Amino acid sequence: MFFSYNNGLSATADSVEVEKTSDGLRIVSATNLQIVNGGQTTASLHAARKISPETLEQVHVQMKLTVVPSNAYEEVVPFISKYANSQNKVSAADFFSNYPFHMRMEEYSRRVLAPAAEGTNRET
């Protein structure tokens, strides 16, 4: 469930080398890889690896990797870092629509039509 609960990493690199596998493309190497968002995730994985490396055998972490040419690196990477680290704050109220009560109400609202307005024959 780590993958489901974690936002993953945002990283940049000058270039990447990939190889084709039966599962798709696999990154073989990255030049000047820099994690610009995901420090807490990285620290958590490092701590878990120090305690019990085998616990990470089935852990997958998503990563958004932006390849930025070296001649644009100094100009572009700070903005990627800035925007990757400045999302809107999420409050508890933002999750209310996922509560079972609200989900049932949505289902109910899709099944039950409001009576037709006076002078019309169409329910909505």
PDB file of N, CA and C in Angstrom:
ATOM      1  N   MET A   1       0.815  -1.205   0.000  1.00  0.00           N
ATOM      2  CA  MET A   1       0.000   0.000   0.000  1.00  0.00           C
ATOM      3  C   MET A   1       0.857   1.267   0.000  1.00  0.00           C
ATOM      4  N   PHE A   2       2.160   1.117   0.200  1.00  0.00           N
ATOM      5  CA  PHE A   2       3.037   2.292   0.200  1.00  0.00           C
ATOM      6  C   PHE A   2       2.831   3.110  -1.067  1.00  0.00           C
ATOM      7  N   PHE A   3       2.773   2.434  -2.215  1.00  0.00           N
ATOM      8  CA  PHE A   3       2.602   3.114  -3.497  1.00  0.00           C
ATOM      9  C   PHE A   3       1.305   3.920  -3.526  1.00  0.00           C
ATOM     10  N   SER A   4       0.251   3.360  -2.965  1.00  0.00           N
ATOM     11  CA  SER A   4      -1.052   4.029  -2.977  1.00  0.00           C
ATOM     12  C   SER A   4      -1.096   5.247  -2.077  1.00  0.00           C
ATOM     13  N   TYR A   5      -0.319   5.230  -1.008  1.00  0.00           N
ATOM     14  CA  TYR A   5      -0.375   6.310  -0.027  1.00  0.00           C
ATOM     15  C   TYR A   5       0.708   7.361  -0.222  1.00  0.00           C
ATOM     16  N   ASN A   6       1.609   7.156  -1.165  1.00  0.00           N
ATOM     17  CA  ASN A   6       2.766   8.025  -1.291  1.00  0.00           C
ATOM     18  C   ASN A   6       2.723   8.798  -2.600  1.00  0.00           C
ATOM     19  N   ASN A   7       3.134  10.064  -2.555  1.00  0.00           N
ATOM     20  CA  ASN A   7       3.148  10.898  -3.757  1.00  0.00           C
ATOM     21  C   ASN A   7       4.351  10.643  -4.643  1.00  0.00           C
ATOM     22  N   GLY A   8       5.329   9.908  -4.147  1.00  0.00           N
ATOM     23  CA  GLY A   8       6.486   9.578  -4.963  1.00  0.00           C
ATOM     24  C   GLY A   8       7.529  10.673  -4.976  1.00  0.00           C
ATOM     25  N   LEU A   9       8.341  10.637  -6.007  1.00  0.00           N
ATOM     26  CA  LEU A   9       9.456  11.564  -6.141  1.00  0.00           C
ATOM     27  C   LEU A   9       9.311  12.370  -7.420  1.00  0.00           C
ATOM     28  N   SER A  10       9.841  13.579  -7.392  1.00  0.00           N
ATOM     29  CA  SER A  10      10.043  14.363  -8.607  1.00  0.00           C
ATOM     30  C   SER A  10      11.541  14.554  -8.723  1.00  0.00           C
ATOM     31  N   ALA A  11      12.071  14.271  -9.894  1.00  0.00           N
ATOM     32  CA  ALA A  11      13.516  14.362 -10.085  1.00  0.00           C
ATOM     33  C   ALA A  11      13.820  14.947 -11.453  1.00  0.00           C
ATOM     34  N   THR A  12      15.044  15.437 -11.582  1.00  0.00           N
ATOM     35  CA  THR A  12      15.526  15.939 -12.859  1.00  0.00           C
ATOM     36  C   THR A  12      16.851  15.253 -13.179  1.00  0.00           C
ATOM     37  N   ALA A  13      17.196  15.251 -14.447  1.00  0.00           N
ATOM     38  CA  ALA A  13      18.484  14.712 -14.890  1.00  0.00           C
ATOM     39  C   ALA A  13      18.864  15.397 -16.191  1.00  0.00           C
ATOM     40  N   ASP A  14      20.173  15.420 -16.465  1.00  0.00           N
ATOM     41  CA  ASP A  14      20.652  15.970 -17.742  1.00  0.00           C
ATOM     42  C   ASP A  14      20.261  15.058 -18.896  1.00  0.00           C
ATOM     43  N   SER A  15      20.398  13.754 -18.663  1.00  0.00           N
ATOM     44  CA  SER A  15      20.085  12.774 -19.701  1.00  0.00           C
ATOM     45  C   SER A  15      19.826  11.427 -19.039  1.00  0.00           C
ATOM     46  N   VAL A  16      19.151  10.557 -19.761  1.00  0.00           N
ATOM     47  CA  VAL A  16      18.914   9.198 -19.271  1.00  0.00           C
ATOM     48  C   VAL A  16      19.206   8.212 -20.392  1.00  0.00           C
ATOM     49  N   GLU A  17      19.610   7.034 -19.980  1.00  0.00           N
ATOM     50  CA  GLU A  17      19.801   5.932 -20.915  1.00  0.00           C
ATOM     51  C   GLU A  17      18.788   4.864 -20.533  1.00  0.00           C
ATOM     52  N   VAL A  18      18.032   4.391 -21.523  1.00  0.00           N
ATOM     53  CA  VAL A  18      17.012   3.380 -21.257  1.00  0.00           C
ATOM     54  C   VAL A  18      17.279   2.149 -22.110  1.00  0.00           C
ATOM     55  N   GLU A  19      16.727   1.025 -21.639  1.00  0.00           N
ATOM     56  CA  GLU A  19      16.784  -0.199 -22.433  1.00  0.00           C
ATOM     57  C   GLU A  19      15.390  -0.798 -22.473  1.00  0.00           C
ATOM     58  N   LYS A  20      15.113  -1.481 -23.558  1.00  0.00           N
ATOM     59  CA  LYS A  20      13.812  -2.119 -23.724  1.00  0.00           C
ATOM     60  C   LYS A  20      13.847  -3.486 -23.058  1.00  0.00           C
ATOM     61  N   THR A  21      12.813  -3.768 -22.253  1.00  0.00           N
ATOM     62  CA  THR A  21      12.678  -5.075 -21.615  1.00  0.00           C
ATOM     63  C   THR A  21      11.313  -5.642 -21.981  1.00  0.00           C
ATOM     64  N   SER A  22      11.042  -6.847 -21.559  1.00  0.00           N
ATOM     65  CA  SER A  22       9.730  -7.447 -21.832  1.00  0.00           C
ATOM     66  C   SER A  22       8.612  -6.706 -21.106  1.00  0.00           C
ATOM     67  N   ASP A  23       8.965  -5.956 -20.044  1.00  0.00           N
ATOM     68  CA  ASP A  23       7.976  -5.182 -19.283  1.00  0.00           C
ATOM     69  C   ASP A  23       7.846  -3.749 -19.772  1.00  0.00           C
ATOM     70  N   GLY A  24       8.667  -3.340 -20.714  1.00  0.00           N
ATOM     71  CA  GLY A  24       8.655  -1.961 -21.194  1.00  0.00           C
ATOM     72  C   GLY A  24      10.055  -1.374 -21.102  1.00  0.00           C
ATOM     73  N   LEU A  25      10.141  -0.059 -20.975  1.00  0.00           N
ATOM     74  CA  LEU A  25      11.441   0.599 -20.871  1.00  0.00           C
ATOM     75  C   LEU A  25      11.930   0.611 -19.430  1.00  0.00           C
ATOM     76  N   ARG A  26      13.243   0.498 -19.280  1.00  0.00           N
ATOM     77  CA  ARG A  26      13.866   0.528 -17.956  1.00  0.00           C
ATOM     78  C   ARG A  26      15.010   1.524 -18.008  1.00  0.00           C
ATOM     79  N   ILE A  27      15.083   2.390 -17.002  1.00  0.00           N
ATOM     80  CA  ILE A  27      16.185   3.351 -16.931  1.00  0.00           C
ATOM     81  C   ILE A  27      17.443   2.609 -16.496  1.00  0.00           C
ATOM     82  N   VAL A  28      18.486   2.721 -17.300  1.00  0.00           N
ATOM     83  CA  VAL A  28      19.757   2.071 -17.006  1.00  0.00           C
ATOM     84  C   VAL A  28      20.679   3.037 -16.272  1.00  0.00           C
ATOM     85  N   SER A  29      20.670   4.299 -16.704  1.00  0.00           N
ATOM     86  CA  SER A  29      21.502   5.300 -16.032  1.00  0.00           C
ATOM     87  C   SER A  29      20.894   6.679 -16.226  1.00  0.00           C
ATOM     88  N   ALA A  30      21.239   7.567 -15.316  1.00  0.00           N
ATOM     89  CA  ALA A  30      20.806   8.960 -15.388  1.00  0.00           C
ATOM     90  C   ALA A  30      22.000   9.834 -15.033  1.00  0.00           C
ATOM     91  N   THR A  31      22.210  10.878 -15.803  1.00  0.00           N
ATOM     92  CA  THR A  31      23.319  11.789 -15.555  1.00  0.00           C
ATOM     93  C   THR A  31      22.820  12.979 -14.745  1.00  0.00           C
ATOM     94  N   ASN A  32      23.525  13.282 -13.668  1.00  0.00           N
ATOM     95  CA  ASN A  32      23.183  14.401 -12.775  1.00  0.00           C
ATOM     96  C   ASN A  32      21.752  14.308 -12.245  1.00  0.00           C
ATOM     97  N   LEU A  33      21.379  13.133 -11.775  1.00  0.00           N
ATOM     98  CA  LEU A  33      20.056  12.936 -11.180  1.00  0.00           C
ATOM     99  C   LEU A  33      19.945  13.763  -9.906  1.00  0.00           C
ATOM    100  N   GLN A  34      18.850  14.511  -9.799  1.00  0.00           N
ATOM    101  CA  GLN A  34      18.622  15.346  -8.620  1.00  0.00           C
ATOM    102  C   GLN A  34      17.166  15.203  -8.196  1.00  0.00           C
ATOM    103  N   ILE A  35      16.933  14.768  -6.959  1.00  0.00           N
ATOM    104  CA  ILE A  35      15.573  14.701  -6.423  1.00  0.00           C
ATOM    105  C   ILE A  35      15.184  16.111  -5.999  1.00  0.00           C
ATOM    106  N   VAL A  36      14.105  16.642  -6.592  1.00  0.00           N
ATOM    107  CA  VAL A  36      13.681  18.004  -6.275  1.00  0.00           C
ATOM    108  C   VAL A  36      12.450  18.028  -5.372  1.00  0.00           C
ATOM    109  N   ASN A  37      11.766  16.897  -5.246  1.00  0.00           N
ATOM    110  CA  ASN A  37      10.641  16.781  -4.330  1.00  0.00           C
ATOM    111  C   ASN A  37      10.533  15.315  -3.938  1.00  0.00           C
ATOM    112  N   GLY A  38      10.459  15.056  -2.646  1.00  0.00           N
ATOM    113  CA  GLY A  38      10.367  13.683  -2.178  1.00  0.00           C
ATOM    114  C   GLY A  38      11.420  13.357  -1.146  1.00  0.00           C
ATOM    115  N   GLY A  39      11.925  14.382  -0.498  1.00  0.00           N
ATOM    116  CA  GLY A  39      12.945  14.175   0.526  1.00  0.00           C
ATOM    117  C   GLY A  39      12.456  13.306   1.670  1.00  0.00           C
ATOM    118  N   GLN A  40      11.210  13.492   2.093  1.00  0.00           N
ATOM    119  CA  GLN A  40      10.672  12.685   3.193  1.00  0.00           C
ATOM    120  C   GLN A  40      10.550  11.224   2.768  1.00  0.00           C
ATOM    121  N   THR A  41      10.117  10.995   1.540  1.00  0.00           N
ATOM    122  CA  THR A  41      10.015   9.630   1.028  1.00  0.00           C
ATOM    123  C   THR A  41      11.390   8.981   0.990  1.00  0.00           C
ATOM    124  N   THR A  42      12.364   9.714   0.477  1.00  0.00           N
ATOM    125  CA  THR A  42      13.725   9.187   0.387  1.00  0.00           C
ATOM    126  C   THR A  42      14.272   8.852   1.768  1.00  0.00           C
ATOM    127  N   ALA A  43      14.056   9.746   2.728  1.00  0.00           N
ATOM    128  CA  ALA A  43      14.535   9.508   4.097  1.00  0.00           C
ATOM    129  C   ALA A  43      13.838   8.299   4.720  1.00  0.00           C
ATOM    130  N   SER A  44      12.545   8.149   4.481  1.00  0.00           N
ATOM    131  CA  SER A  44      11.800   7.005   5.022  1.00  0.00           C
ATOM    132  C   SER A  44      12.309   5.692   4.439  1.00  0.00           C
ATOM    133  N   LEU A  45      12.553   5.676   3.142  1.00  0.00           N
ATOM    134  CA  LEU A  45      13.072   4.468   2.503  1.00  0.00           C
ATOM    135  C   LEU A  45      14.469   4.129   3.018  1.00  0.00           C
ATOM    136  N   HIS A  46      15.290   5.144   3.194  1.00  0.00           N
ATOM    137  CA  HIS A  46      16.643   4.925   3.713  1.00  0.00           C
ATOM    138  C   HIS A  46      16.586   4.340   5.125  1.00  0.00           C
ATOM    139  N   ALA A  47      15.732   4.913   5.968  1.00  0.00           N
ATOM    140  CA  ALA A  47      15.603   4.420   7.349  1.00  0.00           C
ATOM    141  C   ALA A  47      15.105   2.973   7.359  1.00  0.00           C
ATOM    142  N   ALA A  48      14.129   2.658   6.520  1.00  0.00           N
ATOM    143  CA  ALA A  48      13.604   1.287   6.455  1.00  0.00           C
ATOM    144  C   ALA A  48      14.675   0.322   5.955  1.00  0.00           C
ATOM    145  N   ARG A  49      15.468   0.763   5.009  1.00  0.00           N
ATOM    146  CA  ARG A  49      16.530  -0.102   4.467  1.00  0.00           C
ATOM    147  C   ARG A  49      17.597  -0.397   5.513  1.00  0.00           C
ATOM    148  N   LYS A  50      17.905   0.596   6.345  1.00  0.00           N
ATOM    149  CA  LYS A  50      18.905   0.381   7.396  1.00  0.00           C
ATOM    150  C   LYS A  50      18.419  -0.640   8.420  1.00  0.00           C
ATOM    151  N   ILE A  51      17.126  -0.602   8.724  1.00  0.00           N
ATOM    152  CA  ILE A  51      16.557  -1.499   9.735  1.00  0.00           C
ATOM    153  C   ILE A  51      16.361  -2.904   9.176  1.00  0.00           C
ATOM    154  N   SER A  52      15.767  -2.982   7.992  1.00  0.00           N
ATOM    155  CA  SER A  52      15.414  -4.296   7.440  1.00  0.00           C
ATOM    156  C   SER A  52      15.319  -4.208   5.916  1.00  0.00           C
ATOM    157  N   PRO A  53      16.426  -4.393   5.214  1.00  0.00           N
ATOM    158  CA  PRO A  53      16.429  -4.244   3.757  1.00  0.00           C
ATOM    159  C   PRO A  53      15.383  -5.097   3.036  1.00  0.00           C
ATOM    160  N   GLU A  54      15.108  -6.287   3.569  1.00  0.00           N
ATOM    161  CA  GLU A  54      14.156  -7.169   2.881  1.00  0.00           C
ATOM    162  C   GLU A  54      12.731  -6.617   2.871  1.00  0.00           C
ATOM    163  N   THR A  55      12.419  -5.694   3.771  1.00  0.00           N
ATOM    164  CA  THR A  55      11.064  -5.128   3.786  1.00  0.00           C
ATOM    165  C   THR A  55      10.806  -4.262   2.554  1.00  0.00           C
ATOM    166  N   LEU A  56      11.856  -3.870   1.856  1.00  0.00           N
ATOM    167  CA  LEU A  56      11.686  -3.013   0.677  1.00  0.00           C
ATOM    168  C   LEU A  56      11.645  -3.800  -0.634  1.00  0.00           C
ATOM    169  N   GLU A  57      11.755  -5.115  -0.551  1.00  0.00           N
ATOM    170  CA  GLU A  57      11.826  -5.917  -1.770  1.00  0.00           C
ATOM    171  C   GLU A  57      10.610  -5.759  -2.674  1.00  0.00           C
ATOM    172  N   GLN A  58       9.443  -5.538  -2.097  1.00  0.00           N
ATOM    173  CA  GLN A  58       8.225  -5.406  -2.893  1.00  0.00           C
ATOM    174  C   GLN A  58       7.692  -3.971  -2.923  1.00  0.00           C
ATOM    175  N   VAL A  59       8.503  -3.012  -2.500  1.00  0.00           N
ATOM    176  CA  VAL A  59       8.073  -1.611  -2.487  1.00  0.00           C
ATOM    177  C   VAL A  59       8.417  -0.965  -3.824  1.00  0.00           C
ATOM    178  N   HIS A  60       7.451  -0.277  -4.395  1.00  0.00           N
ATOM    179  CA  HIS A  60       7.653   0.474  -5.629  1.00  0.00           C
ATOM    180  C   HIS A  60       7.309   1.930  -5.349  1.00  0.00           C
ATOM    181  N   VAL A  61       8.123   2.829  -5.837  1.00  0.00           N
ATOM    182  CA  VAL A  61       7.898   4.261  -5.642  1.00  0.00           C
ATOM    183  C   VAL A  61       7.820   4.909  -7.019  1.00  0.00           C
ATOM    184  N   GLN A  62       6.726   5.619  -7.253  1.00  0.00           N
ATOM    185  CA  GLN A  62       6.603   6.300  -8.535  1.00  0.00           C
ATOM    186  C   GLN A  62       7.532   7.511  -8.567  1.00  0.00           C
ATOM    187  N   MET A  63       8.009   7.833  -9.758  1.00  0.00           N
ATOM    188  CA  MET A  63       8.897   8.975  -9.903  1.00  0.00           C
ATOM    189  C   MET A  63       8.559   9.702 -11.195  1.00  0.00           C
ATOM    190  N   LYS A  64       8.438  11.000 -11.079  1.00  0.00           N
ATOM    191  CA  LYS A  64       8.308  11.839 -12.270  1.00  0.00           C
ATOM    192  C   LYS A  64       9.710  12.345 -12.570  1.00  0.00           C
ATOM    193  N   LEU A  65      10.246  11.949 -13.704  1.00  0.00           N
ATOM    194  CA  LEU A  65      11.606  12.328 -14.075  1.00  0.00           C
ATOM    195  C   LEU A  65      11.546  13.273 -15.262  1.00  0.00           C
ATOM    196  N   THR A  66      12.080  14.467 -15.082  1.00  0.00           N
ATOM    197  CA  THR A  66      12.134  15.456 -16.146  1.00  0.00           C
ATOM    198  C   THR A  66      13.569  15.555 -16.638  1.00  0.00           C
ATOM    199  N   VAL A  67      13.768  15.290 -17.913  1.00  0.00           N
ATOM    200  CA  VAL A  67      15.106  15.409 -18.495  1.00  0.00           C
ATOM    201  C   VAL A  67      15.268  16.842 -18.992  1.00  0.00           C
ATOM    202  N   VAL A  68      16.265  17.516 -18.430  1.00  0.00           N
ATOM    203  CA  VAL A  68      16.529  18.916 -18.757  1.00  0.00           C
ATOM    204  C   VAL A  68      17.934  18.998 -19.352  1.00  0.00           C
ATOM    205  N   PRO A  69      18.064  19.483 -20.568  1.00  0.00           N
ATOM    206  CA  PRO A  69      19.399  19.606 -21.157  1.00  0.00           C
ATOM    207  C   PRO A  69      20.311  20.460 -20.272  1.00  0.00           C
ATOM    208  N   SER A  70      21.585  20.104 -20.233  1.00  0.00           N
ATOM    209  CA  SER A  70      22.519  20.788 -19.330  1.00  0.00           C
ATOM    210  C   SER A  70      22.595  22.285 -19.590  1.00  0.00           C
ATOM    211  N   ASN A  71      22.373  22.733 -20.827  1.00  0.00           N
ATOM    212  CA  ASN A  71      22.447  24.174 -21.102  1.00  0.00           C
ATOM    213  C   ASN A  71      21.242  24.941 -20.546  1.00  0.00           C
ATOM    214  N   ALA A  72      20.179  24.248 -20.139  1.00  0.00           N
ATOM    215  CA  ALA A  72      19.003  24.910 -19.559  1.00  0.00           C
ATOM    216  C   ALA A  72      18.820  24.555 -18.089  1.00  0.00           C
ATOM    217  N   TYR A  73      19.720  23.743 -17.559  1.00  0.00           N
ATOM    218  CA  TYR A  73      19.576  23.197 -16.210  1.00  0.00           C
ATOM    219  C   TYR A  73      19.430  24.276 -15.144  1.00  0.00           C
ATOM    220  N   GLU A  74      20.346  25.233 -15.129  1.00  0.00           N
ATOM    221  CA  GLU A  74      20.327  26.269 -14.083  1.00  0.00           C
ATOM    222  C   GLU A  74      19.079  27.130 -14.151  1.00  0.00           C
ATOM    223  N   GLU A  75      18.523  27.276 -15.329  1.00  0.00           N
ATOM    224  CA  GLU A  75      17.335  28.109 -15.504  1.00  0.00           C
ATOM    225  C   GLU A  75      16.042  27.360 -15.178  1.00  0.00           C
ATOM    226  N   VAL A  76      15.961  26.084 -15.542  1.00  0.00           N
ATOM    227  CA  VAL A  76      14.708  25.330 -15.448  1.00  0.00           C
ATOM    228  C   VAL A  76      14.532  24.592 -14.124  1.00  0.00           C
ATOM    229  N   VAL A  77      15.575  23.942 -13.631  1.00  0.00           N
ATOM    230  CA  VAL A  77      15.457  23.082 -12.446  1.00  0.00           C
ATOM    231  C   VAL A  77      14.938  23.825 -11.213  1.00  0.00           C
ATOM    232  N   PRO A  78      15.403  25.054 -10.927  1.00  0.00           N
ATOM    233  CA  PRO A  78      14.844  25.746  -9.751  1.00  0.00           C
ATOM    234  C   PRO A  78      13.327  25.924  -9.823  1.00  0.00           C
ATOM    235  N   PHE A  79      12.791  26.139 -11.029  1.00  0.00           N
ATOM    236  CA  PHE A  79      11.342  26.294 -11.160  1.00  0.00           C
ATOM    237  C   PHE A  79      10.620  24.965 -10.972  1.00  0.00           C
ATOM    238  N   ILE A  80      11.196  23.884 -11.478  1.00  0.00           N
ATOM    239  CA  ILE A  80      10.600  22.562 -11.259  1.00  0.00           C
ATOM    240  C   ILE A  80      10.562  22.280  -9.764  1.00  0.00           C
ATOM    241  N   SER A  81      11.660  22.564  -9.082  1.00  0.00           N
ATOM    242  CA  SER A  81      11.726  22.355  -7.631  1.00  0.00           C
ATOM    243  C   SER A  81      10.710  23.225  -6.904  1.00  0.00           C
ATOM    244  N   LYS A  82      10.639  24.481  -7.292  1.00  0.00           N
ATOM    245  CA  LYS A  82       9.709  25.421  -6.638  1.00  0.00           C
ATOM    246  C   LYS A  82       8.262  24.956  -6.784  1.00  0.00           C
ATOM    247  N   TYR A  83       7.864  24.621  -7.995  1.00  0.00           N
ATOM    248  CA  TYR A  83       6.467  24.262  -8.229  1.00  0.00           C
ATOM    249  C   TYR A  83       6.127  22.866  -7.712  1.00  0.00           C
ATOM    250  N   ALA A  84       7.084  21.963  -7.705  1.00  0.00           N
ATOM    251  CA  ALA A  84       6.838  20.621  -7.162  1.00  0.00           C
ATOM    252  C   ALA A  84       6.665  20.662  -5.650  1.00  0.00           C
ATOM    253  N   ASN A  85       7.181  21.700  -5.018  1.00  0.00           N
ATOM    254  CA  ASN A  85       7.115  21.812  -3.561  1.00  0.00           C
ATOM    255  C   ASN A  85       6.107  22.857  -3.091  1.00  0.00           C
ATOM    256  N   SER A  86       5.217  23.295  -3.965  1.00  0.00           N
ATOM    257  CA  SER A  86       4.291  24.361  -3.562  1.00  0.00           C
ATOM    258  C   SER A  86       2.850  24.050  -3.938  1.00  0.00           C
ATOM    259  N   GLN A  87       2.439  22.805  -3.732  1.00  0.00           N
ATOM    260  CA  GLN A  87       1.052  22.464  -4.006  1.00  0.00           C
ATOM    261  C   GLN A  87       0.141  23.097  -2.953  1.00  0.00           C
ATOM    262  N   ASN A  88      -1.131  23.179  -3.286  1.00  0.00           N
ATOM    263  CA  ASN A  88      -2.105  23.723  -2.345  1.00  0.00           C
ATOM    264  C   ASN A  88      -2.242  22.815  -1.136  1.00  0.00           C
ATOM    265  N   LYS A  89      -2.433  23.431   0.022  1.00  0.00           N
ATOM    266  CA  LYS A  89      -2.639  22.669   1.246  1.00  0.00           C
ATOM    267  C   LYS A  89      -3.985  21.943   1.171  1.00  0.00           C
ATOM    268  N   VAL A  90      -4.007  20.727   1.645  1.00  0.00           N
ATOM    269  CA  VAL A  90      -5.225  19.920   1.658  1.00  0.00           C
ATOM    270  C   VAL A  90      -5.711  19.831   3.097  1.00  0.00           C
ATOM    271  N   SER A  91      -6.994  20.130   3.293  1.00  0.00           N
ATOM    272  CA  SER A  91      -7.557  20.048   4.644  1.00  0.00           C
ATOM    273  C   SER A  91      -8.468  18.824   4.737  1.00  0.00           C
ATOM    274  N   ALA A  92      -8.875  18.489   5.944  1.00  0.00           N
ATOM    275  CA  ALA A  92      -9.749  17.332   6.167  1.00  0.00           C
ATOM    276  C   ALA A  92     -11.054  17.466   5.380  1.00  0.00           C
ATOM    277  N   ALA A  93     -11.546  18.686   5.230  1.00  0.00           N
ATOM    278  CA  ALA A  93     -12.798  18.911   4.508  1.00  0.00           C
ATOM    279  C   ALA A  93     -12.698  18.480   3.046  1.00  0.00           C
ATOM    280  N   ASP A  94     -11.496  18.506   2.492  1.00  0.00           N
ATOM    281  CA  ASP A  94     -11.310  18.118   1.098  1.00  0.00           C
ATOM    282  C   ASP A  94     -11.575  16.633   0.863  1.00  0.00           C
ATOM    283  N   PHE A  95     -11.604  15.844   1.926  1.00  0.00           N
ATOM    284  CA  PHE A  95     -11.789  14.404   1.789  1.00  0.00           C
ATOM    285  C   PHE A  95     -13.215  13.951   2.094  1.00  0.00           C
ATOM    286  N   PHE A  96     -14.107  14.864   2.477  1.00  0.00           N
ATOM    287  CA  PHE A  96     -15.462  14.483   2.863  1.00  0.00           C
ATOM    288  C   PHE A  96     -16.197  13.739   1.757  1.00  0.00           C
ATOM    289  N   SER A  97     -15.945  14.078   0.513  1.00  0.00           N
ATOM    290  CA  SER A  97     -16.671  13.416  -0.572  1.00  0.00           C
ATOM    291  C   SER A  97     -16.336  11.932  -0.654  1.00  0.00           C
ATOM    292  N   ASN A  98     -15.267  11.504  -0.025  1.00  0.00           N
ATOM    293  CA  ASN A  98     -14.892  10.086  -0.029  1.00  0.00           C
ATOM    294  C   ASN A  98     -15.495   9.310   1.134  1.00  0.00           C
ATOM    295  N   TYR A  99     -16.186   9.978   2.027  1.00  0.00           N
ATOM    296  CA  TYR A  99     -16.803   9.295   3.163  1.00  0.00           C
ATOM    297  C   TYR A  99     -17.986   8.470   2.660  1.00  0.00           C
ATOM    298  N   PRO A 100     -18.227   7.291   3.242  1.00  0.00           N
ATOM    299  CA  PRO A 100     -19.332   6.432   2.793  1.00  0.00           C
ATOM    300  C   PRO A 100     -20.679   7.158   2.746  1.00  0.00           C
ATOM    301  N   PHE A 101     -20.977   7.998   3.738  1.00  0.00           N
ATOM    302  CA  PHE A 101     -22.254   8.723   3.755  1.00  0.00           C
ATOM    303  C   PHE A 101     -22.410   9.557   2.492  1.00  0.00           C
ATOM    304  N   HIS A 102     -21.387  10.315   2.140  1.00  0.00           N
ATOM    305  CA  HIS A 102     -21.464  11.196   0.975  1.00  0.00           C
ATOM    306  C   HIS A 102     -21.499  10.394  -0.326  1.00  0.00           C
ATOM    307  N   MET A 103     -20.839   9.268  -0.350  1.00  0.00           N
ATOM    308  CA  MET A 103     -20.879   8.422  -1.542  1.00  0.00           C
ATOM    309  C   MET A 103     -22.278   7.841  -1.741  1.00  0.00           C
ATOM    310  N   ARG A 104     -22.926   7.434  -0.635  1.00  0.00           N
ATOM    311  CA  ARG A 104     -24.305   6.930  -0.732  1.00  0.00           C
ATOM    312  C   ARG A 104     -25.251   8.049  -1.173  1.00  0.00           C
ATOM    313  N   MET A 105     -25.033   9.254  -0.667  1.00  0.00           N
ATOM    314  CA  MET A 105     -25.888  10.384  -1.060  1.00  0.00           C
ATOM    315  C   MET A 105     -25.741  10.676  -2.555  1.00  0.00           C
ATOM    316  N   GLU A 106     -24.541  10.574  -3.074  1.00  0.00           N
ATOM    317  CA  GLU A 106     -24.342  10.790  -4.508  1.00  0.00           C
ATOM    318  C   GLU A 106     -25.096   9.730  -5.306  1.00  0.00           C
ATOM    319  N   GLU A 107     -24.991   8.467  -4.892  1.00  0.00           N
ATOM    320  CA  GLU A 107     -25.713   7.394  -5.579  1.00  0.00           C
ATOM    321  C   GLU A 107     -27.219   7.652  -5.530  1.00  0.00           C
ATOM    322  N   TYR A 108     -27.702   8.049  -4.368  1.00  0.00           N
ATOM    323  CA  TYR A 108     -29.129   8.330  -4.188  1.00  0.00           C
ATOM    324  C   TYR A 108     -29.567   9.474  -5.104  1.00  0.00           C
ATOM    325  N   SER A 109     -28.755  10.526  -5.169  1.00  0.00           N
ATOM    326  CA  SER A 109     -29.120  11.686  -5.985  1.00  0.00           C
ATOM    327  C   SER A 109     -29.172  11.340  -7.471  1.00  0.00           C
ATOM    328  N   ARG A 110     -28.469  10.323  -7.883  1.00  0.00           N
ATOM    329  CA  ARG A 110     -28.490   9.916  -9.292  1.00  0.00           C
ATOM    330  C   ARG A 110     -29.712   9.041  -9.616  1.00  0.00           C
ATOM    331  N   ARG A 111     -30.296   8.406  -8.585  1.00  0.00           N
ATOM    332  CA  ARG A 111     -31.448   7.524  -8.794  1.00  0.00           C
ATOM    333  C   ARG A 111     -32.783   8.247  -8.632  1.00  0.00           C
ATOM    334  N   VAL A 112     -32.842   9.225  -7.747  1.00  0.00           N
ATOM    335  CA  VAL A 112     -34.109   9.879  -7.423  1.00  0.00           C
ATOM    336  C   VAL A 112     -34.175  11.231  -8.130  1.00  0.00           C
ATOM    337  N   LEU A 113     -35.219  11.412  -8.931  1.00  0.00           N
ATOM    338  CA  LEU A 113     -35.375  12.663  -9.664  1.00  0.00           C
ATOM    339  C   LEU A 113     -36.222  13.651  -8.876  1.00  0.00           C
ATOM    340  N   ALA A 114     -35.927  14.913  -9.066  1.00  0.00           N
ATOM    341  CA  ALA A 114     -36.737  15.967  -8.454  1.00  0.00           C
ATOM    342  C   ALA A 114     -38.033  16.087  -9.253  1.00  0.00           C
ATOM    343  N   PRO A 115     -39.150  16.379  -8.570  1.00  0.00           N
ATOM    344  CA  PRO A 115     -40.429  16.503  -9.284  1.00  0.00           C
ATOM    345  C   PRO A 115     -40.359  17.589 -10.358  1.00  0.00           C
ATOM    346  N   ALA A 116     -41.178  17.413 -11.378  1.00  0.00           N
ATOM    347  CA  ALA A 116     -41.230  18.395 -12.463  1.00  0.00           C
ATOM    348  C   ALA A 116     -41.706  19.736 -11.927  1.00  0.00           C
ATOM    349  N   ALA A 117     -41.126  20.797 -12.444  1.00  0.00           N
ATOM    350  CA  ALA A 117     -41.543  22.149 -12.051  1.00  0.00           C
ATOM    351  C   ALA A 117     -42.953  22.389 -12.571  1.00  0.00           C
ATOM    352  N   GLU A 118     -43.672  23.268 -11.899  1.00  0.00           N
ATOM    353  CA  GLU A 118     -45.053  23.560 -12.276  1.00  0.00           C
ATOM    354  C   GLU A 118     -45.114  24.011 -13.733  1.00  0.00           C
ATOM    355  N   GLY A 119     -46.006  23.416 -14.471  1.00  0.00           N
ATOM    356  CA  GLY A 119     -46.179  23.766 -15.879  1.00  0.00           C
ATOM    357  C   GLY A 119     -45.288  22.977 -16.823  1.00  0.00           C
ATOM    358  N   THR A 120     -44.477  22.057 -16.282  1.00  0.00           N
ATOM    359  CA  THR A 120     -43.625  21.231 -17.151  1.00  0.00           C
ATOM    360  C   THR A 120     -43.877  19.761 -16.842  1.00  0.00           C
ATOM    361  N   ASN A 121     -43.454  18.905 -17.733  1.00  0.00           N
ATOM    362  CA  ASN A 121     -43.616  17.467 -17.543  1.00  0.00           C
ATOM    363  C   ASN A 121     -42.289  16.761 -17.300  1.00  0.00           C
ATOM    364  N   ARG A 122     -41.242  17.512 -17.154  1.00  0.00           N
ATOM    365  CA  ARG A 122     -39.911  16.898 -17.085  1.00  0.00           C
ATOM    366  C   ARG A 122     -39.348  16.944 -15.672  1.00  0.00           C
ATOM    367  N   GLU A 123     -39.052  15.749 -15.153  1.00  0.00           N
ATOM    368  CA  GLU A 123     -38.369  15.669 -13.863  1.00  0.00           C
ATOM    369  C   GLU A 123     -36.877  15.891 -14.095  1.00  0.00           C
ATOM    370  N   THR A 124     -36.199  16.355 -13.073  1.00  0.00           N
ATOM    371  CA  THR A 124     -34.747  16.578 -13.218  1.00  0.00           C
ATOM    372  C   THR A 124     -34.002  15.860 -12.124  1.00  0.00           C
TER     373      THR A 124
END
